[in-house]
Amino acid sequence: MKEIKAIIRPFKLLDVVSELQKIENLPGVTISDIRGFGKSKARNAKEKIMDGLIAYVQKVKIEVVVPDEMVERVVSTIQAHAHTGNPGDGKIFIYRVDDVVKIRTNERGTGAI
């Protein structure tokens, strides 16, 4: 199992999630509104948020845990639909997940996602 975290531009969220929903047996998606900065420290960002002397940019984080055989489909879907070709499009991170426990049923492993 793998966890996929993607940091994308907020205005691309609808496109990305609409396409993710088309993936058969996708276990589910978690969305969070976040803020941060990359290598440029948000200096040239048009819609930056100032907190004291620190500039941040609004982003959205998408998180999904999938069986290994779904990873490439999910990653390619996010990449294709979050892409604008401009700096700040975001990043996708892929992590190994050792186990999952479904709280309601105590089920473990791939069946719990």
Protein backbone atom coordinates (compact mmCIF):
# COMPACT_ATOMS: atom_id res chain seq x y z
CA MET A 1 0.00 0.00 0.00
CA LYS A 2 1.07 3.56 -0.66
CA GLU A 3 -0.03 6.97 0.55
CA ILE A 4 -0.05 9.65 -2.11
CA LYS A 5 0.06 13.29 -1.00
CA ALA A 6 -0.28 16.01 -3.60
CA ILE A 7 0.12 19.74 -3.00
CA ILE A 8 -1.69 21.59 -5.80
CA ARG A 9 -3.15 24.96 -6.73
CA PRO A 10 -6.65 25.47 -5.25
CA PHE A 11 -8.26 26.28 -8.61
CA LYS A 12 -7.17 22.87 -9.97
CA LEU A 13 -8.88 20.91 -7.17
CA LEU A 14 -12.20 20.38 -8.94
CA ASP A 15 -10.48 19.08 -12.10
CA VAL A 16 -8.25 16.70 -10.14
CA VAL A 17 -10.95 15.32 -7.82
CA SER A 18 -13.44 14.91 -10.70
CA GLU A 19 -10.90 12.75 -12.53
CA LEU A 20 -9.92 10.81 -9.40
CA GLN A 21 -13.58 9.90 -8.85
CA LYS A 22 -13.54 8.16 -12.24
CA ILE A 23 -10.95 5.64 -11.00
CA GLU A 24 -12.78 2.44 -10.18
CA ASN A 25 -12.34 1.21 -6.59
CA LEU A 26 -10.53 4.35 -5.43
CA PRO A 27 -10.76 4.00 -1.62
CA GLY A 28 -11.33 7.68 -0.86
CA VAL A 29 -9.69 11.08 -0.80
CA THR A 30 -8.91 13.58 1.97
CA ILE A 31 -8.64 17.28 1.10
CA SER A 32 -7.04 19.98 3.26
CA ASP A 33 -6.60 23.72 2.72
CA ILE A 34 -2.99 24.60 3.48
CA ARG A 35 -0.45 27.36 2.99
CA GLY A 36 3.28 27.35 2.49
CA PHE A 37 6.11 28.38 0.22
CA GLY A 38 8.63 26.77 -2.11
CA LYS A 39 12.14 27.65 -3.18
CA SER A 40 11.14 31.18 -4.20
CA LYS A 41 9.73 31.83 -0.70
CA ALA A 42 6.52 33.15 -2.36
CA ARG A 43 8.32 36.41 -3.28
CA ASN A 44 6.75 36.65 -6.75
CA ALA A 45 3.40 35.06 -5.91
CA LYS A 46 0.41 37.12 -7.04
CA GLU A 47 -1.89 35.87 -4.28
CA LYS A 48 0.44 35.61 -1.33
CA ILE A 49 -0.64 35.74 2.29
CA MET A 50 1.54 37.77 4.63
CA ASP A 51 1.99 36.66 8.23
CA GLY A 52 4.31 39.21 9.74
CA LEU A 53 7.31 39.26 7.43
CA ILE A 54 6.67 35.75 6.04
CA ALA A 55 4.87 35.29 2.71
CA TYR A 56 2.82 32.17 2.09
CA VAL A 57 0.80 30.86 -0.86
CA GLN A 58 -2.58 29.10 -0.55
CA LYS A 59 -2.47 25.46 -1.67
CA VAL A 60 -4.62 22.37 -1.34
CA LYS A 61 -3.36 18.99 -0.10
CA ILE A 62 -4.90 15.80 -1.47
CA GLU A 63 -4.21 12.57 0.42
CA VAL A 64 -5.16 9.07 -0.64
CA VAL A 65 -4.02 5.58 0.40
CA VAL A 66 -4.21 2.96 -2.35
CA PRO A 67 -3.04 -0.57 -3.12
CA ASP A 68 0.30 -0.65 -4.96
CA GLU A 69 -1.33 -1.48 -8.29
CA MET A 70 -3.29 1.81 -8.25
CA VAL A 71 -0.37 4.15 -7.53
CA GLU A 72 0.64 5.00 -11.09
CA ARG A 73 -2.96 5.61 -12.20
CA VAL A 74 -3.60 7.98 -9.27
CA VAL A 75 -0.27 9.81 -9.67
CA SER A 76 -0.68 10.25 -13.43
CA THR A 77 -4.25 11.48 -12.97
CA ILE A 78 -3.18 14.10 -10.41
CA GLN A 79 -0.20 15.15 -12.48
CA ALA A 80 -2.19 15.52 -15.71
CA HIS A 81 -5.02 17.52 -14.16
CA ALA A 82 -3.04 19.70 -11.72
CA HIS A 83 -0.53 20.80 -14.38
CA THR A 84 -0.46 24.40 -15.66
CA GLY A 85 3.18 24.50 -16.73
CA ASN A 86 3.95 27.42 -14.42
CA PRO A 87 6.10 27.56 -11.28
CA GLY A 88 4.05 26.63 -8.21
CA ASP A 89 2.06 23.78 -9.79
CA GLY A 90 2.94 21.68 -6.73
CA LYS A 91 4.41 18.33 -5.81
CA ILE A 92 3.32 14.71 -5.42
CA PHE A 93 4.82 12.57 -2.65
CA ILE A 94 4.51 8.78 -2.44
CA TYR A 95 5.03 6.93 0.86
CA ARG A 96 4.95 3.26 1.82
CA VAL A 97 2.14 2.36 4.22
CA ASP A 98 2.88 -0.60 6.48
CA ASP A 99 -0.64 -1.14 7.77
CA VAL A 100 -4.13 0.31 7.97
CA VAL A 101 -6.73 -0.31 10.67
CA LYS A 102 -10.41 0.42 10.05
CA ILE A 103 -11.65 1.74 13.38
CA ARG A 104 -15.27 0.64 12.97
CA THR A 105 -14.56 -3.03 12.12
CA ASN A 106 -10.97 -3.64 13.32
CA GLU A 107 -10.17 -4.83 9.78
CA ARG A 108 -6.49 -4.51 8.86
CA GLY A 109 -4.43 -4.23 5.71
CA THR A 110 -5.55 -3.48 2.15
CA GLY A 111 -9.17 -4.38 2.96
CA ALA A 112 -9.26 -1.61 5.55
CA ILE A 113 -8.61 1.14 3.01
